[in-house]
Amino acid sequence: MLSGALGLAAAGALGACGSNKGTGAATGGGGAKVSLSQWYHQYGEKGTQEAAKRYAAEYTAAGVQIQWIPGDYPAKLSSGLSSGNGPDAFEGHLERSLVSSGQVVPLDDLIADVKDDYAEGDLAANSIDGKLYSIPMINDPQMIYYRKSLFEAKGIKPPQTVDDLIAAAKELSDKSVKGLFAGNDANNTGGGLFPAAVYATGGRLLTPENKIGFDPAKVAEVLVKLRKLSADKSLLLGAPTDWWDPSAINQNLCAMQWIGMWAVPGMTTALGADEIGVFPFPGATGGKPAVISGGWSAFVSAKSKNVDAAKAFTKWLWVEKTDLQEDWSLSYGFHIPPRKSLAAKASKLQSGPAAESVKLNTEYGVQGNPNWTPAMNTALTDAVTRVIGKGADPETELAGAVKKIGTELDKIFG
């Protein structure tokens, strides 16, 4: 699956979207019942599309049509919401622009009776100015998974520092296997290692008070180190799929891969649970190890012609139907259920690499901040790309990014 804080960039033709109709169409009092559209991005795990259609078919208070969107989901969703031709209900990631542009409605009332069953961090990541605009569907920790047998063959322990990671990647690389896969563009952008490299310094993209939350000098030090992964030819590049798919590690193309917990079933099926180890991005410059704690959340479009019906469906599926939420989290890929009561009894997550992933996410997970805008992200990722990919001076590049981020913050918060 795709996960993490994907921006809702404009563009994209809705006509290219996949369309699959759920079978829950119904007729209503005094005439035709409401028909709703629900959008999902294209999950990679087998069975997810069928599950989404099955959930829709179980809902009898309205007809629900499932749109399974391949390709650039954020762009297609942004285009649909802006044009008024988008979904009634959809999954996504909360950004302040969705609220300031009036594209989503508050959902506090949907979880009022079970609010204590959600972690404070999940609620904060789905809230703007004290109002909840999205309901957590799944939590997806991302970290580094590795082949234990390859580590043991070379006497390598799980890295405790960035220097350890770089050295291990080099030692594990040979003519047929590369030490680390973090994305096909990791030699330029850092791939999946960003923004973990920022979090590992003890920084955050933004503070809780919405100020710049990282020390550029510390981030610069880590970025310079990451250049060495490419210089050492330790990175797998040109893999058949990108970092969020386990094909590379499953096919023995790399010894370590940055990927999410959703891929644990696929990796353990291919390689065996005893072969898969996991560790966080190592701490750097006095900071702590870091795990990116991503996920997906459920929204209701403010432009829906049936907002109340869309809210009722969203509450039914993502608040009331805990059996379906458990199915969505555990029956395909592995995800941590956002409801604390469901996570506590998730037996599939209580052993092997899944259990270790949950433990690391609890200790080191960092969630996104909905006030981190696409413009801020572009400013920082452009700087990171110039530093890692083009060898630019890190202090100059990060100073420029900080200035742009500060300007963006001033526009929003004054």
Protein backbone atom coordinates (compact mmCIF):
# COMPACT_ATOMS: atom_id res chain seq x y z
CA MET A 1 0.00 0.00 0.00
CA LEU A 2 0.95 3.62 -0.21
CA SER A 3 1.25 5.32 3.07
CA GLY A 4 2.69 8.36 4.79
CA ALA A 5 1.90 12.04 4.46
CA LEU A 6 1.09 12.26 0.78
CA GLY A 7 0.20 15.74 -0.39
CA LEU A 8 -2.99 16.53 -2.22
CA ALA A 9 -1.42 18.06 -5.30
CA ALA A 10 -3.72 19.38 -7.94
CA ALA A 11 -4.22 17.78 -11.36
CA GLY A 12 -5.27 14.40 -12.54
CA ALA A 13 -8.11 13.28 -14.74
CA LEU A 14 -10.99 11.72 -12.94
CA GLY A 15 -11.86 9.83 -16.07
CA ALA A 16 -8.78 7.71 -15.52
CA CYS A 17 -9.92 6.57 -12.08
CA GLY A 18 -10.85 2.96 -11.56
CA SER A 19 -14.55 2.47 -10.90
CA ASN A 20 -16.08 -0.42 -9.03
CA LYS A 21 -19.63 -0.37 -7.86
CA GLY A 22 -20.50 -1.77 -4.47
CA THR A 23 -23.70 -3.76 -4.32
CA GLY A 24 -25.30 -1.94 -1.42
CA ALA A 25 -27.70 0.14 -3.51
CA ALA A 26 -30.98 0.70 -1.76
CA THR A 27 -34.13 2.68 -2.15
CA GLY A 28 -35.37 5.12 0.42
CA GLY A 29 -38.44 6.37 2.10
CA GLY A 30 -40.72 8.08 -0.37
CA GLY A 31 -38.39 7.43 -3.31
CA ALA A 32 -34.89 6.42 -4.31
CA LYS A 33 -32.47 6.13 -1.46
CA VAL A 34 -29.31 8.13 -1.36
CA SER A 35 -26.40 6.96 -3.49
CA LEU A 36 -22.92 7.68 -2.11
CA SER A 37 -19.47 7.41 -3.64
CA GLN A 38 -16.49 6.33 -1.54
CA TRP A 39 -12.91 6.65 -2.78
CA TYR A 40 -9.86 4.59 -1.82
CA HIS A 41 -6.31 4.70 -3.13
CA GLN A 42 -5.14 1.48 -4.80
CA TYR A 43 -3.91 -0.77 -2.00
CA GLY A 44 -1.31 -3.35 -2.95
CA GLU A 45 -2.51 -6.12 -0.65
CA LYS A 46 -4.60 -8.83 -2.32
CA GLY A 47 -8.22 -8.82 -1.23
CA THR A 48 -8.50 -5.20 -0.14
CA GLN A 49 -10.63 -4.04 -3.08
CA GLU A 50 -13.00 -6.96 -2.62
CA ALA A 51 -13.22 -6.20 1.10
CA ALA A 52 -14.10 -2.55 0.47
CA LYS A 53 -16.85 -3.61 -1.92
CA ARG A 54 -18.12 -6.16 0.59
CA TYR A 55 -18.31 -3.54 3.35
CA ALA A 56 -20.28 -1.24 1.04
CA ALA A 57 -22.65 -4.05 0.16
CA GLU A 58 -23.38 -4.67 3.85
CA TYR A 59 -24.59 -1.10 4.35
CA THR A 60 -28.31 -0.87 3.80
CA ALA A 61 -29.15 2.73 4.67
CA ALA A 62 -27.77 4.02 1.35
CA GLY A 63 -26.21 2.75 -1.83
CA VAL A 64 -22.43 3.04 -1.80
CA GLN A 65 -20.29 2.98 -4.94
CA ILE A 66 -16.61 2.20 -4.45
CA GLN A 67 -14.04 4.05 -6.55
CA TRP A 68 -10.66 2.28 -6.43
CA ILE A 69 -8.19 4.92 -7.63
CA PRO A 70 -4.95 3.79 -9.29
CA GLY A 71 -1.98 6.07 -9.87
CA ASP A 72 -1.66 9.51 -8.29
CA TYR A 73 -4.47 9.31 -5.77
CA PRO A 74 -3.71 12.62 -3.99
CA ALA A 75 -3.82 14.53 -7.29
CA LYS A 76 -7.01 12.86 -8.47
CA LEU A 77 -8.65 13.38 -5.10
CA SER A 78 -7.64 17.04 -5.01
CA SER A 79 -9.03 17.56 -8.50
CA GLY A 80 -12.27 15.81 -7.63
CA LEU A 81 -12.81 17.73 -4.42
CA SER A 82 -12.00 21.07 -6.04
CA SER A 83 -14.28 20.49 -9.01
CA GLY A 84 -17.22 19.26 -6.97
CA ASN A 85 -17.13 15.96 -8.87
CA GLY A 86 -15.36 14.11 -6.11
CA PRO A 87 -16.48 11.56 -3.55
CA ASP A 88 -18.99 11.85 -0.74
CA ALA A 89 -16.69 9.89 1.57
CA PHE A 90 -13.01 9.17 1.06
CA GLU A 91 -9.75 8.17 2.67
CA GLY A 92 -6.80 10.52 2.86
CA HIS A 93 -4.48 12.53 5.08
CA LEU A 94 -5.57 15.69 6.85
CA GLU A 95 -4.05 18.95 5.64
CA ARG A 96 -4.98 22.44 6.78
CA SER A 97 -5.84 23.42 3.20
CA LEU A 98 -8.71 20.90 3.17
CA VAL A 99 -10.23 22.78 6.08
CA SER A 100 -9.41 26.34 5.03
CA SER A 101 -10.87 25.71 1.57
CA GLY A 102 -14.05 24.25 3.05
CA GLN A 103 -13.66 20.83 1.44
CA VAL A 104 -14.26 18.64 4.50
CA VAL A 105 -16.66 18.71 7.43
CA PRO A 106 -15.92 18.20 11.15
CA LEU A 107 -16.57 14.69 12.43
CA ASP A 108 -16.28 15.15 16.20
CA ASP A 109 -19.87 14.03 16.72
CA LEU A 110 -19.19 10.66 15.05
CA ILE A 111 -16.72 9.51 17.71
CA ALA A 112 -18.13 11.36 20.72
CA ASP A 113 -19.15 8.13 22.47
CA VAL A 114 -15.82 6.34 21.90
CA LYS A 115 -13.30 9.20 21.85
CA ASP A 116 -11.38 7.72 24.78
CA ASP A 117 -10.71 4.61 22.65
CA TYR A 118 -8.36 6.62 20.39
CA ALA A 119 -4.80 7.67 21.25
CA GLU A 120 -4.24 11.38 21.76
CA GLY A 121 -1.64 11.39 19.00
CA ASP A 122 -4.10 9.95 16.49
CA LEU A 123 -6.71 12.55 17.40
CA ALA A 124 -4.16 15.37 17.14
CA ALA A 125 -3.00 14.20 13.70
CA ASN A 126 -6.62 14.27 12.51
CA SER A 127 -7.59 17.64 13.99
CA ILE A 128 -7.23 21.27 12.99
CA ASP A 129 -7.86 24.08 15.48
CA GLY A 130 -9.44 21.69 17.95
CA LYS A 131 -11.91 20.07 15.53
CA LEU A 132 -11.66 16.50 14.27
CA TYR A 133 -11.89 16.33 10.47
CA SER A 134 -10.94 12.71 9.85
CA ILE A 135 -11.32 9.39 11.62
CA PRO A 136 -8.24 7.15 11.79
CA MET A 137 -8.76 3.96 9.76
CA ILE A 138 -5.34 2.27 10.06
CA ASN A 139 -1.93 3.13 11.50
CA ASP A 140 1.10 2.20 9.41
CA PRO A 141 4.54 2.33 11.03
CA GLN A 142 7.48 2.46 8.61
CA MET A 143 11.01 1.36 9.48
CA ILE A 144 13.86 -0.85 8.20
CA TYR A 145 13.28 -4.60 7.77
CA TYR A 146 16.23 -6.89 7.14
CA ARG A 147 17.28 -10.45 6.31
CA LYS A 148 18.63 -12.01 9.52
CA SER A 149 20.61 -14.72 7.70
CA LEU A 150 22.54 -12.13 5.66
CA PHE A 151 23.38 -10.16 8.80
CA GLU A 152 24.46 -13.31 10.64
CA ALA A 153 26.64 -14.47 7.75
CA LYS A 154 28.70 -11.28 8.04
CA GLY A 155 28.51 -10.93 11.82
CA ILE A 156 26.51 -7.68 11.59
CA LYS A 157 24.24 -6.46 14.38
CA PRO A 158 21.21 -4.20 13.80
CA PRO A 159 22.63 -0.66 13.37
CA GLN A 160 22.54 1.62 16.39
CA THR A 161 23.87 4.73 14.60
CA VAL A 162 23.70 6.20 11.11
CA ASP A 163 27.37 5.34 10.69
CA ASP A 164 26.52 1.73 11.61
CA LEU A 165 23.75 1.74 8.98
CA ILE A 166 26.08 3.03 6.28
CA ALA A 167 28.78 0.51 7.20
CA ALA A 168 26.31 -2.39 7.28
CA ALA A 169 24.85 -1.44 3.90
CA LYS A 170 28.33 -1.43 2.37
CA GLU A 171 29.35 -4.71 3.97
CA LEU A 172 26.14 -6.43 2.83
CA SER A 173 26.46 -5.28 -0.79
CA ASP A 174 27.92 -7.52 -3.48
CA LYS A 175 27.35 -8.19 -7.17
CA SER A 176 23.86 -9.63 -6.70
CA VAL A 177 22.56 -8.06 -3.49
CA LYS A 178 22.56 -4.42 -2.38
CA GLY A 179 22.74 -3.45 1.24
CA LEU A 180 19.70 -1.16 1.43
CA PHE A 181 16.59 -0.36 -0.60
CA ALA A 182 14.91 2.89 0.40
CA GLY A 183 13.35 3.73 -2.95
CA ASN A 184 14.40 3.91 -6.56
CA ASP A 185 15.30 7.57 -6.15
CA ALA A 186 16.98 7.28 -2.74
CA ASN A 187 20.31 8.30 -4.26
CA ASN A 188 18.74 11.69 -5.02
CA THR A 189 15.94 12.29 -2.54
CA GLY A 190 16.73 9.98 0.34
CA GLY A 191 13.63 8.00 -0.60
CA GLY A 192 11.70 6.60 2.33
CA LEU A 193 14.43 7.73 4.76
CA PHE A 194 12.98 11.26 4.73
CA PRO A 195 11.66 12.61 7.09
CA ALA A 196 12.91 9.89 9.46
CA ALA A 197 16.36 11.44 9.09
CA VAL A 198 14.92 14.67 10.54
CA TYR A 199 13.10 12.91 13.38
CA ALA A 200 16.25 10.95 14.30
CA THR A 201 17.99 14.21 15.25
CA GLY A 202 15.33 14.78 17.91
CA GLY A 203 13.61 17.30 15.65
CA ARG A 204 10.16 17.45 14.15
CA LEU A 205 8.98 19.15 10.98
CA LEU A 206 6.86 21.49 13.13
CA THR A 207 6.52 21.88 16.88
CA PRO A 208 3.11 21.50 18.56
CA GLU A 209 3.03 25.31 18.49
CA ASN A 210 3.51 25.23 14.71
CA LYS A 211 7.04 26.59 14.68
CA ILE A 212 9.93 25.08 12.71
CA GLY A 213 10.81 22.01 14.75
CA PHE A 214 14.29 20.96 13.64
CA ASP A 215 17.85 22.16 13.94
CA PRO A 216 19.18 22.66 10.39
CA ALA A 217 22.77 22.01 11.49
CA LYS A 218 21.85 18.60 12.91
CA VAL A 219 19.80 17.66 9.84
CA ALA A 220 22.67 18.78 7.61
CA GLU A 221 25.01 16.43 9.44
CA VAL A 222 22.73 13.44 8.78
CA LEU A 223 22.15 14.32 5.12
CA VAL A 224 25.87 14.48 4.48
CA LYS A 225 26.22 11.01 6.00
CA LEU A 226 23.41 9.65 3.80
CA ARG A 227 25.30 10.74 0.69
CA LYS A 228 27.77 7.97 1.47
CA LEU A 229 25.15 5.27 0.86
CA SER A 230 25.14 6.24 -2.80
CA ALA A 231 28.88 6.88 -3.00
CA ASP A 232 29.50 3.40 -1.57
CA LYS A 233 27.10 1.91 -4.16
CA SER A 234 25.17 0.35 -1.27
CA LEU A 235 21.72 1.41 -2.47
CA LEU A 236 19.46 -0.75 -4.59
CA LEU A 237 18.23 1.37 -7.50
CA GLY A 238 16.03 0.40 -10.43
CA ALA A 239 14.04 -2.21 -8.52
CA PRO A 240 10.90 -3.58 -10.24
CA THR A 241 8.69 -1.84 -7.66
CA ASP A 242 9.30 0.99 -5.20
CA TRP A 243 10.05 0.97 -1.49
CA TRP A 244 6.48 0.36 -0.31
CA ASP A 245 6.36 -3.06 -2.03
CA PRO A 246 8.33 -5.99 -0.49
CA SER A 247 9.31 -7.52 -3.83
CA ALA A 248 12.92 -6.31 -3.57
CA ILE A 249 13.69 -7.92 -0.21
CA ASN A 250 11.56 -10.98 -1.03
CA GLN A 251 13.53 -11.53 -4.24
CA ASN A 252 16.87 -11.21 -2.44
CA LEU A 253 17.74 -7.99 -4.25
CA CYS A 254 18.60 -6.25 -0.98
CA ALA A 255 19.51 -7.13 2.60
CA MET A 256 17.57 -4.24 4.18
CA GLN A 257 14.48 -2.38 3.01
CA TRP A 258 12.68 0.69 4.30
CA ILE A 259 9.01 -0.31 4.21
CA GLY A 260 5.84 -0.35 6.29
CA MET A 261 4.40 -2.98 8.61
CA TRP A 262 1.70 -3.64 6.01
CA ALA A 263 4.25 -5.76 4.13
CA VAL A 264 5.02 -8.11 7.02
CA PRO A 265 2.61 -10.86 5.85
CA GLY A 266 4.11 -10.75 2.36
CA MET A 267 7.67 -10.86 3.67
CA THR A 268 7.04 -13.67 6.16
CA THR A 269 5.20 -15.74 3.55
CA ALA A 270 8.10 -15.39 1.12
CA LEU A 271 11.00 -15.67 3.57
CA GLY A 272 9.68 -17.02 6.87
CA ALA A 273 8.96 -15.09 10.05
CA ASP A 274 12.28 -16.14 11.62
CA GLU A 275 14.22 -14.60 8.72
CA ILE A 276 12.77 -11.06 9.08
CA GLY A 277 14.25 -8.60 11.55
CA VAL A 278 13.37 -4.95 12.02
CA PHE A 279 14.93 -1.81 13.48
CA PRO A 280 14.14 1.92 13.44
CA PHE A 281 16.10 4.61 11.62
CA PRO A 282 19.04 5.01 14.02
CA GLY A 283 19.26 8.02 16.29
CA ALA A 284 21.61 10.79 15.14
CA THR A 285 23.32 13.87 16.59
CA GLY A 286 22.09 13.05 20.09
CA GLY A 287 18.53 12.25 18.99
CA LYS A 288 16.47 9.08 19.32
CA PRO A 289 15.76 6.36 16.73
CA ALA A 290 12.78 7.17 14.55
CA VAL A 291 9.80 5.35 13.09
CA ILE A 292 7.42 7.12 10.72
CA SER A 293 3.93 6.51 12.03
CA GLY A 294 1.70 6.98 9.00
CA GLY A 295 -1.72 5.69 8.11
CA TRP A 296 -5.02 6.55 6.44
CA SER A 297 -8.12 8.32 7.71
CA ALA A 298 -11.76 8.66 6.68
CA PHE A 299 -13.25 12.00 5.55
CA VAL A 300 -16.60 13.37 4.45
CA SER A 301 -16.65 15.92 1.64
CA ALA A 302 -18.29 19.24 2.45
CA LYS A 303 -19.35 19.43 -1.20
CA SER A 304 -21.32 16.20 -1.00
CA LYS A 305 -25.01 16.65 -1.79
CA ASN A 306 -25.66 14.17 1.02
CA VAL A 307 -23.35 15.17 3.84
CA ASP A 308 -25.53 13.68 6.57
CA ALA A 309 -25.84 10.37 4.73
CA ALA A 310 -22.07 10.31 4.09
CA LYS A 311 -21.43 10.99 7.78
CA ALA A 312 -23.82 8.21 8.76
CA PHE A 313 -22.04 5.74 6.46
CA THR A 314 -18.61 6.84 7.71
CA LYS A 315 -19.71 6.41 11.33
CA TRP A 316 -21.18 2.99 10.56
CA LEU A 317 -18.02 1.71 8.87
CA TRP A 318 -15.18 3.39 10.75
CA VAL A 319 -16.69 3.81 14.23
CA GLU A 320 -19.46 1.27 14.82
CA LYS A 321 -18.41 -1.78 12.75
CA THR A 322 -15.41 -2.86 14.77
CA ASP A 323 -15.50 -6.30 13.13
CA LEU A 324 -14.94 -4.71 9.71
CA GLN A 325 -12.26 -2.37 11.12
CA GLU A 326 -10.45 -5.42 12.51
CA ASP A 327 -10.78 -7.17 9.16
CA TRP A 328 -9.35 -4.14 7.32
CA SER A 329 -6.39 -3.88 9.70
CA LEU A 330 -5.41 -7.53 9.96
CA SER A 331 -6.79 -9.72 7.17
CA TYR A 332 -4.70 -8.41 4.24
CA GLY A 333 -1.57 -6.45 5.11
CA PHE A 334 -0.82 -5.76 8.76
CA HIS A 335 -1.85 -2.37 10.19
CA ILE A 336 -2.28 -1.25 13.77
CA PRO A 337 -5.99 -0.65 14.51
CA PRO A 338 -6.39 2.95 15.73
CA ARG A 339 -8.99 1.89 18.29
CA LYS A 340 -7.08 0.98 21.44
CA SER A 341 -9.55 -1.78 22.27
CA LEU A 342 -8.97 -3.44 18.87
CA ALA A 343 -5.21 -3.03 18.97
CA ALA A 344 -5.06 -4.69 22.40
CA LYS A 345 -6.67 -7.89 21.13
CA ALA A 346 -4.96 -8.01 17.71
CA SER A 347 -3.41 -11.46 18.12
CA LYS A 348 -1.76 -11.37 14.68
CA LEU A 349 0.36 -8.44 15.88
CA GLN A 350 1.54 -10.13 19.07
CA SER A 351 4.38 -12.26 17.72
CA GLY A 352 7.32 -12.17 15.32
CA PRO A 353 8.28 -9.10 13.26
CA ALA A 354 4.77 -7.65 13.59
CA ALA A 355 5.04 -7.54 17.38
CA GLU A 356 8.49 -5.96 17.16
CA SER A 357 7.14 -3.38 14.70
CA VAL A 358 4.33 -2.44 17.09
CA LYS A 359 6.84 -2.15 19.95
CA LEU A 360 9.15 0.11 17.93
CA ASN A 361 6.23 2.26 16.81
CA THR A 362 5.17 2.70 20.43
CA GLU A 363 8.69 3.70 21.47
CA TYR A 364 9.78 5.78 18.50
CA GLY A 365 6.79 6.51 16.25
CA VAL A 366 6.38 10.08 14.98
CA GLN A 367 3.08 11.13 13.45
CA GLY A 368 2.54 13.80 10.85
CA ASN A 369 1.38 17.33 11.61
CA PRO A 370 -1.63 18.44 9.50
CA ASN A 371 -0.26 21.98 9.52
CA TRP A 372 2.80 20.88 7.51
CA THR A 373 1.70 22.05 4.06
CA PRO A 374 2.70 20.79 0.60
CA ALA A 375 4.59 24.07 0.06
CA MET A 376 6.63 23.48 3.22
CA ASN A 377 7.26 19.90 2.18
CA THR A 378 8.42 20.97 -1.28
CA ALA A 379 10.81 23.52 0.22
CA LEU A 380 12.45 20.92 2.46
CA THR A 381 12.45 17.98 0.06
CA ASP A 382 13.93 20.15 -2.71
CA ALA A 383 16.74 21.11 -0.34
CA VAL A 384 17.27 17.48 0.69
CA THR A 385 17.41 16.44 -2.97
CA ARG A 386 20.00 19.06 -3.81
CA VAL A 387 22.12 18.04 -0.80
CA ILE A 388 21.94 14.26 -1.27
CA GLY A 389 21.61 14.04 -5.02
CA LYS A 390 23.67 16.97 -6.23
CA GLY A 391 26.16 17.46 -3.44
CA ALA A 392 24.98 20.99 -2.65
CA ASP A 393 26.08 22.72 0.53
CA PRO A 394 23.66 21.50 3.24
CA GLU A 395 23.77 24.59 5.41
CA THR A 396 22.95 26.89 2.50
CA GLU A 397 20.17 24.64 1.21
CA LEU A 398 18.55 24.09 4.60
CA ALA A 399 18.76 27.80 5.42
CA GLY A 400 16.86 28.50 2.22
CA ALA A 401 14.26 25.87 3.09
CA VAL A 402 13.82 27.24 6.60
CA LYS A 403 13.22 30.71 5.18
CA LYS A 404 10.53 29.43 2.81
CA ILE A 405 8.87 27.37 5.55
CA GLY A 406 8.90 30.40 7.83
CA THR A 407 7.20 32.50 5.14
CA GLU A 408 4.53 29.82 4.75
CA LEU A 409 3.97 29.68 8.51
CA ASP A 410 3.61 33.47 8.62
CA LYS A 411 0.94 33.30 5.91
CA ILE A 412 -1.08 30.82 7.94
CA PHE A 413 -0.52 31.82 11.54
CA GLY A 414 0.68 35.41 11.23
